[in-house]
Amino acid sequence: MTQKFEQPFVIAEIGCNHKGDMSIAKELIKVAKIFCDVDAVKFQKRNNKELLTEEQYNQPHPNPSNSYGETYGLHREFLEFSVEQHAELKEYCEEIGVVYSTSVWDVTSAKEIASLNPTFIKIPSACNNNYEMLGWICENYSGEIHVSTGMTTKDEIDTLIQFFVNHKRNKDVVLYNCTSGYPVPFKDVCLLDILKLKEKYEDLVKHIGFSGHHLGIAVDVAAYTLGAPIIERHYTLDRTWKGTDHAASLEPMGLRKLTRDLKAVHDALAYKSQDILPIEVPQRTKLKNKK
């Protein structure tokens, strides 16, 4: 029998953990690639005036200690990079050999990021029912479309996949098992939903993935062995930094261990090629009962 498990593909979700600072963003990219050995890094792009109502924009941040502005809207604006800055980050990623990507939260952001022609664009759980945005992406962007399914019902997932089938883009879709929480307790990770996604959609989409917001790295290895070769984890340089996502993120050493362990498990997930492997021959000669 041949090995069936695909190589793990690890995405370091930087999101807004750069704190609105380009130098920190580039340091996050560099450490993720050189020290942690990830395959891709991912940011976020939002047009806050389009995404938020006027009331939402002008209200205080729900957790003032994590806010970078006097209102929630100003907080979000502080953390935004322009499309020109994203182009600079993509160029930097290409220089050091890591895939660049971004989650898009609205039509304007989708258009801006698509103009950079990244390998894949991510649709966050909160936006997987924004069919105006999904429709534009299907018709105008030719790369992979990665979609998370946190806080989404089974019927809504069915509708979502049918939408991509109707647009003949389903084979470009990577569908992620996800629970939306920061951080998510282990009992709410619900890894076995990966099997349900595989059963229903594996033949319709390109891959099944896993986007985790839990603590530690054991769960991700289990997700991989259940059949989710694409693993996305939030990542930061310091979990004590100001911001809501840092606490649910891996620091560099944790991310490095995760990529190491996933590669080790990939190598181990194989059948014996013969009854007695070459490595066993000396031990068999020395130790096996010959009576």
Protein backbone atom coordinates (compact mmCIF):
# COMPACT_ATOMS: atom_id res chain seq x y z
CA MET A 1 0.00 0.00 0.00
CA THR A 2 1.16 3.54 -0.68
CA GLN A 3 1.15 6.52 1.63
CA LYS A 4 -2.07 8.50 1.34
CA PHE A 5 -1.45 11.48 3.59
CA GLU A 6 -0.50 14.71 1.89
CA GLN A 7 2.33 16.90 3.10
CA PRO A 8 1.12 19.25 5.86
CA PHE A 9 0.81 22.88 4.81
CA VAL A 10 1.12 25.28 7.76
CA ILE A 11 -0.26 28.82 7.65
CA ALA A 12 0.83 31.35 10.28
CA GLU A 13 -2.17 33.63 10.80
CA ILE A 14 -0.61 37.00 11.64
CA GLY A 15 -3.91 38.82 11.25
CA CYS A 16 -3.61 42.11 13.12
CA ASN A 17 -0.98 40.89 15.58
CA HIS A 18 1.48 43.29 13.92
CA LYS A 19 -0.15 46.10 15.96
CA GLY A 20 -0.28 48.34 12.89
CA ASP A 21 3.51 48.42 12.59
CA MET A 22 5.14 47.39 9.29
CA SER A 23 8.46 46.58 10.95
CA ILE A 24 6.71 44.17 13.34
CA ALA A 25 4.79 42.67 10.41
CA LYS A 26 8.03 41.95 8.55
CA GLU A 27 9.63 40.52 11.67
CA LEU A 28 6.63 38.22 12.08
CA ILE A 29 7.05 37.07 8.46
CA LYS A 30 10.79 36.51 8.84
CA VAL A 31 10.52 34.55 12.08
CA ALA A 32 7.60 32.48 10.75
CA LYS A 33 9.60 31.45 7.70
CA ILE A 34 13.18 31.14 8.98
CA PHE A 35 12.65 29.96 12.57
CA CYS A 36 9.23 28.28 12.40
CA ASP A 37 9.49 26.87 8.85
CA VAL A 38 5.87 27.58 7.90
CA ASP A 39 4.56 27.45 4.35
CA ALA A 40 2.45 30.61 4.35
CA VAL A 41 1.63 33.72 6.37
CA LYS A 42 -1.72 35.45 6.37
CA PHE A 43 -2.88 38.96 7.20
CA GLN A 44 -6.32 40.64 7.26
CA LYS A 45 -7.82 43.44 5.16
CA ARG A 46 -10.93 45.42 6.03
CA ASN A 47 -12.60 48.55 4.75
CA ASN A 48 -14.01 49.60 8.08
CA LYS A 49 -16.44 52.24 6.78
CA GLU A 50 -17.92 49.58 4.48
CA LEU A 51 -17.88 46.77 7.02
CA LEU A 52 -19.19 48.60 10.09
CA THR A 53 -22.36 50.60 10.64
CA GLU A 54 -21.89 54.18 11.79
CA GLU A 55 -22.99 53.11 15.27
CA GLN A 56 -20.49 50.23 15.36
CA TYR A 57 -17.73 52.48 14.05
CA ASN A 58 -18.28 55.13 16.72
CA GLN A 59 -18.88 52.92 19.74
CA PRO A 60 -16.10 52.19 22.24
CA HIS A 61 -14.05 49.02 21.90
CA PRO A 62 -15.74 46.29 24.01
CA ASN A 63 -12.40 45.68 25.76
CA PRO A 64 -10.82 49.15 26.18
CA SER A 65 -7.49 47.75 27.41
CA ASN A 66 -6.99 46.18 23.96
CA SER A 67 -8.04 49.24 21.95
CA TYR A 68 -5.75 51.25 19.70
CA GLY A 69 -8.29 54.06 19.24
CA GLU A 70 -11.00 56.04 21.03
CA THR A 71 -13.73 54.18 19.12
CA TYR A 72 -13.93 50.67 17.70
CA GLY A 73 -13.71 52.09 14.20
CA LEU A 74 -10.57 54.10 14.96
CA HIS A 75 -9.10 51.04 16.66
CA ARG A 76 -9.65 49.02 13.48
CA GLU A 77 -8.26 51.81 11.28
CA PHE A 78 -5.07 51.91 13.36
CA LEU A 79 -4.50 48.22 12.65
CA GLU A 80 -5.12 48.46 8.88
CA PHE A 81 -2.44 48.38 6.22
CA SER A 82 -3.05 50.03 2.85
CA VAL A 83 -3.06 47.98 -0.34
CA GLU A 84 0.37 49.48 -1.08
CA GLN A 85 1.65 48.20 2.25
CA HIS A 86 0.18 44.77 1.51
CA ALA A 87 2.02 44.81 -1.82
CA GLU A 88 5.22 45.54 0.10
CA LEU A 89 4.54 42.66 2.49
CA LYS A 90 3.83 40.29 -0.42
CA GLU A 91 7.10 41.31 -2.06
CA TYR A 92 8.94 40.68 1.21
CA CYS A 93 7.33 37.23 1.49
CA GLU A 94 8.47 36.40 -2.03
CA GLU A 95 12.01 37.52 -1.20
CA ILE A 96 12.32 35.06 1.67
CA GLY A 97 10.31 32.24 0.11
CA VAL A 98 7.02 32.08 2.00
CA VAL A 99 3.49 32.31 0.57
CA TYR A 100 1.63 35.58 1.25
CA SER A 101 -2.12 35.68 1.78
CA THR A 102 -4.82 37.79 3.38
CA SER A 103 -8.33 37.36 4.76
CA VAL A 104 -10.80 39.78 3.21
CA TRP A 105 -13.85 41.08 5.03
CA ASP A 106 -15.68 43.13 2.37
CA VAL A 107 -15.94 43.71 -1.37
CA THR A 108 -13.50 46.65 -1.45
CA SER A 109 -10.86 44.66 0.43
CA ALA A 110 -11.43 41.65 -1.84
CA LYS A 111 -10.82 43.82 -4.90
CA GLU A 112 -7.69 45.36 -3.40
CA ILE A 113 -6.13 42.06 -2.36
CA ALA A 114 -7.12 40.29 -5.59
CA SER A 115 -5.22 43.00 -7.48
CA LEU A 116 -2.04 41.64 -5.84
CA ASN A 117 -2.77 38.15 -7.22
CA PRO A 118 -1.91 36.13 -4.10
CA THR A 119 -1.83 32.33 -4.22
CA PHE A 120 -4.97 32.18 -2.09
CA ILE A 121 -7.48 34.49 -0.46
CA LYS A 122 -9.13 33.57 2.84
CA ILE A 123 -12.79 34.11 3.68
CA PRO A 124 -13.19 34.34 7.47
CA SER A 125 -16.07 32.61 9.22
CA ALA A 126 -17.78 35.95 9.83
CA CYS A 127 -17.98 36.64 6.08
CA ASN A 128 -18.77 33.27 4.53
CA ASN A 129 -22.36 34.43 3.91
CA ASN A 130 -21.31 37.65 2.14
CA TYR A 131 -22.39 36.39 -1.26
CA GLU A 132 -21.82 39.73 -2.96
CA MET A 133 -18.15 39.47 -2.01
CA LEU A 134 -17.96 35.73 -2.78
CA GLY A 135 -19.55 36.29 -6.16
CA TRP A 136 -17.04 38.98 -7.08
CA ILE A 137 -14.16 36.74 -6.02
CA CYS A 138 -15.50 33.78 -8.02
CA GLU A 139 -15.78 35.88 -11.16
CA ASN A 140 -12.61 37.97 -10.87
CA TYR A 141 -9.98 36.05 -8.91
CA SER A 142 -8.42 32.84 -10.21
CA GLY A 143 -6.51 31.61 -7.14
CA GLU A 144 -7.55 29.31 -4.32
CA ILE A 145 -10.44 30.39 -2.09
CA HIS A 146 -10.02 29.29 1.53
CA VAL A 147 -13.18 29.43 3.63
CA SER A 148 -13.67 28.94 7.38
CA THR A 149 -16.87 27.45 8.80
CA GLY A 150 -16.91 28.78 12.37
CA MET A 151 -20.33 29.90 13.68
CA THR A 152 -21.94 28.40 10.55
CA THR A 153 -24.81 25.90 10.47
CA LYS A 154 -24.70 22.70 8.41
CA ASP A 155 -27.42 24.06 6.12
CA GLU A 156 -25.41 27.26 5.63
CA ILE A 157 -22.33 25.20 4.69
CA ASP A 158 -24.43 23.25 2.17
CA THR A 159 -25.62 26.54 0.65
CA LEU A 160 -22.06 27.86 0.58
CA ILE A 161 -20.62 24.85 -1.23
CA GLN A 162 -23.51 24.80 -3.69
CA PHE A 163 -22.75 28.46 -4.44
CA PHE A 164 -19.19 27.56 -5.40
CA VAL A 165 -20.43 24.59 -7.45
CA ASN A 166 -22.83 26.89 -9.32
CA HIS A 167 -19.94 29.26 -10.06
CA LYS A 168 -17.72 26.32 -11.11
CA ARG A 169 -15.15 27.31 -8.48
CA ASN A 170 -15.64 24.50 -5.94
CA LYS A 171 -12.41 22.76 -6.97
CA ASP A 172 -10.51 25.91 -5.93
CA VAL A 173 -12.05 25.84 -2.44
CA VAL A 174 -10.28 24.81 0.76
CA LEU A 175 -12.94 24.30 3.44
CA TYR A 176 -11.81 24.70 7.04
CA ASN A 177 -13.22 23.11 10.16
CA CYS A 178 -13.25 25.93 12.73
CA THR A 179 -14.77 26.99 16.03
CA SER A 180 -14.95 30.76 16.47
CA GLY A 181 -13.61 31.65 19.93
CA TYR A 182 -10.43 33.18 21.35
CA PRO A 183 -9.18 30.91 22.81
CA VAL A 184 -11.38 27.84 22.27
CA PRO A 185 -11.58 25.24 25.09
CA PHE A 186 -10.62 21.75 23.94
CA LYS A 187 -14.17 20.44 24.41
CA ASP A 188 -15.39 22.99 21.84
CA VAL A 189 -12.77 22.28 19.16
CA CYS A 190 -14.92 19.41 17.82
CA LEU A 191 -12.26 17.79 15.66
CA LEU A 192 -14.54 14.99 14.50
CA ASP A 193 -16.41 17.53 12.39
CA ILE A 194 -13.43 17.20 10.04
CA LEU A 195 -14.73 13.70 9.23
CA LYS A 196 -18.19 15.11 8.49
CA LEU A 197 -16.73 17.73 6.17
CA LYS A 198 -14.67 15.07 4.40
CA GLU A 199 -17.66 12.76 4.04
CA LYS A 200 -19.89 15.45 2.51
CA TYR A 201 -17.50 17.67 0.58
CA GLU A 202 -14.13 15.98 0.01
CA ASP A 203 -15.01 15.10 -3.59
CA LEU A 204 -16.40 18.58 -4.24
CA VAL A 205 -13.61 20.82 -2.92
CA LYS A 206 -9.83 20.92 -3.28
CA HIS A 207 -8.95 20.25 0.37
CA ILE A 208 -10.36 20.12 3.87
CA GLY A 209 -8.39 22.28 6.31
CA PHE A 210 -8.35 23.11 10.01
CA SER A 211 -8.23 26.60 11.53
CA GLY A 212 -7.55 26.38 15.25
CA HIS A 213 -7.94 28.97 18.00
CA HIS A 214 -7.12 26.63 20.87
CA LEU A 215 -4.07 26.40 23.13
CA GLY A 216 -1.07 24.16 22.52
CA ILE A 217 -0.26 22.08 19.43
CA ALA A 218 -1.55 18.55 20.11
CA VAL A 219 -4.95 19.24 18.54
CA ASP A 220 -3.42 20.29 15.22
CA VAL A 221 -1.55 17.00 14.86
CA ALA A 222 -4.82 15.16 15.47
CA ALA A 223 -6.55 17.35 12.87
CA TYR A 224 -3.90 16.41 10.35
CA THR A 225 -4.27 12.69 11.02
CA LEU A 226 -8.04 13.04 10.61
CA GLY A 227 -7.47 14.30 7.09
CA ALA A 228 -6.92 18.07 7.21
CA PRO A 229 -3.50 18.67 5.63
CA ILE A 230 -3.82 22.48 5.71
CA ILE A 231 -3.38 23.78 9.25
CA GLU A 232 -3.85 27.45 10.16
CA ARG A 233 -2.89 28.88 13.55
CA HIS A 234 -2.83 32.42 14.93
CA TYR A 235 0.73 33.50 15.59
CA THR A 236 2.43 36.31 17.52
CA LEU A 237 5.85 37.23 18.80
CA ASP A 238 4.52 37.81 22.33
CA ARG A 239 1.23 36.50 23.74
CA THR A 240 1.19 39.29 26.35
CA TRP A 241 1.01 42.05 23.72
CA LYS A 242 -1.98 44.37 23.59
CA GLY A 243 -4.79 42.98 21.42
CA THR A 244 -7.54 40.38 21.51
CA ASP A 245 -5.90 37.70 19.33
CA HIS A 246 -2.52 37.33 21.06
CA ALA A 247 -3.80 35.10 23.87
CA ALA A 248 -5.10 32.55 21.34
CA SER A 249 -1.89 32.65 19.29
CA LEU A 250 1.27 30.55 19.23
CA GLU A 251 4.60 32.19 19.95
CA PRO A 252 7.54 31.31 17.66
CA MET A 253 8.74 28.29 19.62
CA GLY A 254 5.25 26.81 19.69
CA LEU A 255 4.80 27.33 15.96
CA ARG A 256 8.24 25.85 15.28
CA LYS A 257 7.36 22.74 17.28
CA LEU A 258 4.04 22.46 15.47
CA THR A 259 5.61 22.42 12.00
CA ARG A 260 8.27 20.00 13.25
CA ASP A 261 5.69 17.62 14.71
CA LEU A 262 3.42 17.73 11.67
CA LYS A 263 6.32 16.82 9.38
CA ALA A 264 7.36 13.99 11.72
CA VAL A 265 3.82 12.61 11.79
CA HIS A 266 3.61 12.83 7.99
CA ASP A 267 6.78 10.73 7.68
CA ALA A 268 5.44 8.21 10.22
CA LEU A 269 2.03 7.77 8.56
CA ALA A 270 3.01 4.90 6.27
CA TYR A 271 2.64 1.14 5.99
CA LYS A 272 5.65 -1.12 6.35
CA SER A 273 7.11 -1.73 2.89
CA GLN A 274 8.15 -5.26 3.92
CA ASP A 275 7.68 -7.55 6.91
CA ILE A 276 11.17 -6.91 8.30
CA LEU A 277 12.47 -3.43 7.64
CA PRO A 278 16.22 -2.96 7.04
CA ILE A 279 16.50 -1.07 10.33
CA GLU A 280 15.12 -4.17 12.11
CA VAL A 281 17.50 -6.73 10.62
CA PRO A 282 20.40 -6.22 13.08
CA GLN A 283 17.97 -6.27 16.02
CA ARG A 284 16.28 -9.43 14.74
CA THR A 285 19.65 -11.12 14.29
CA LYS A 286 20.75 -10.18 17.78
CA LEU A 287 17.53 -10.38 19.80
CA LYS A 288 14.95 -12.64 18.14
CA ASN A 289 14.40 -15.98 19.82
CA LYS A 290 15.91 -18.59 17.49
CA LYS A 291 14.47 -21.67 19.17
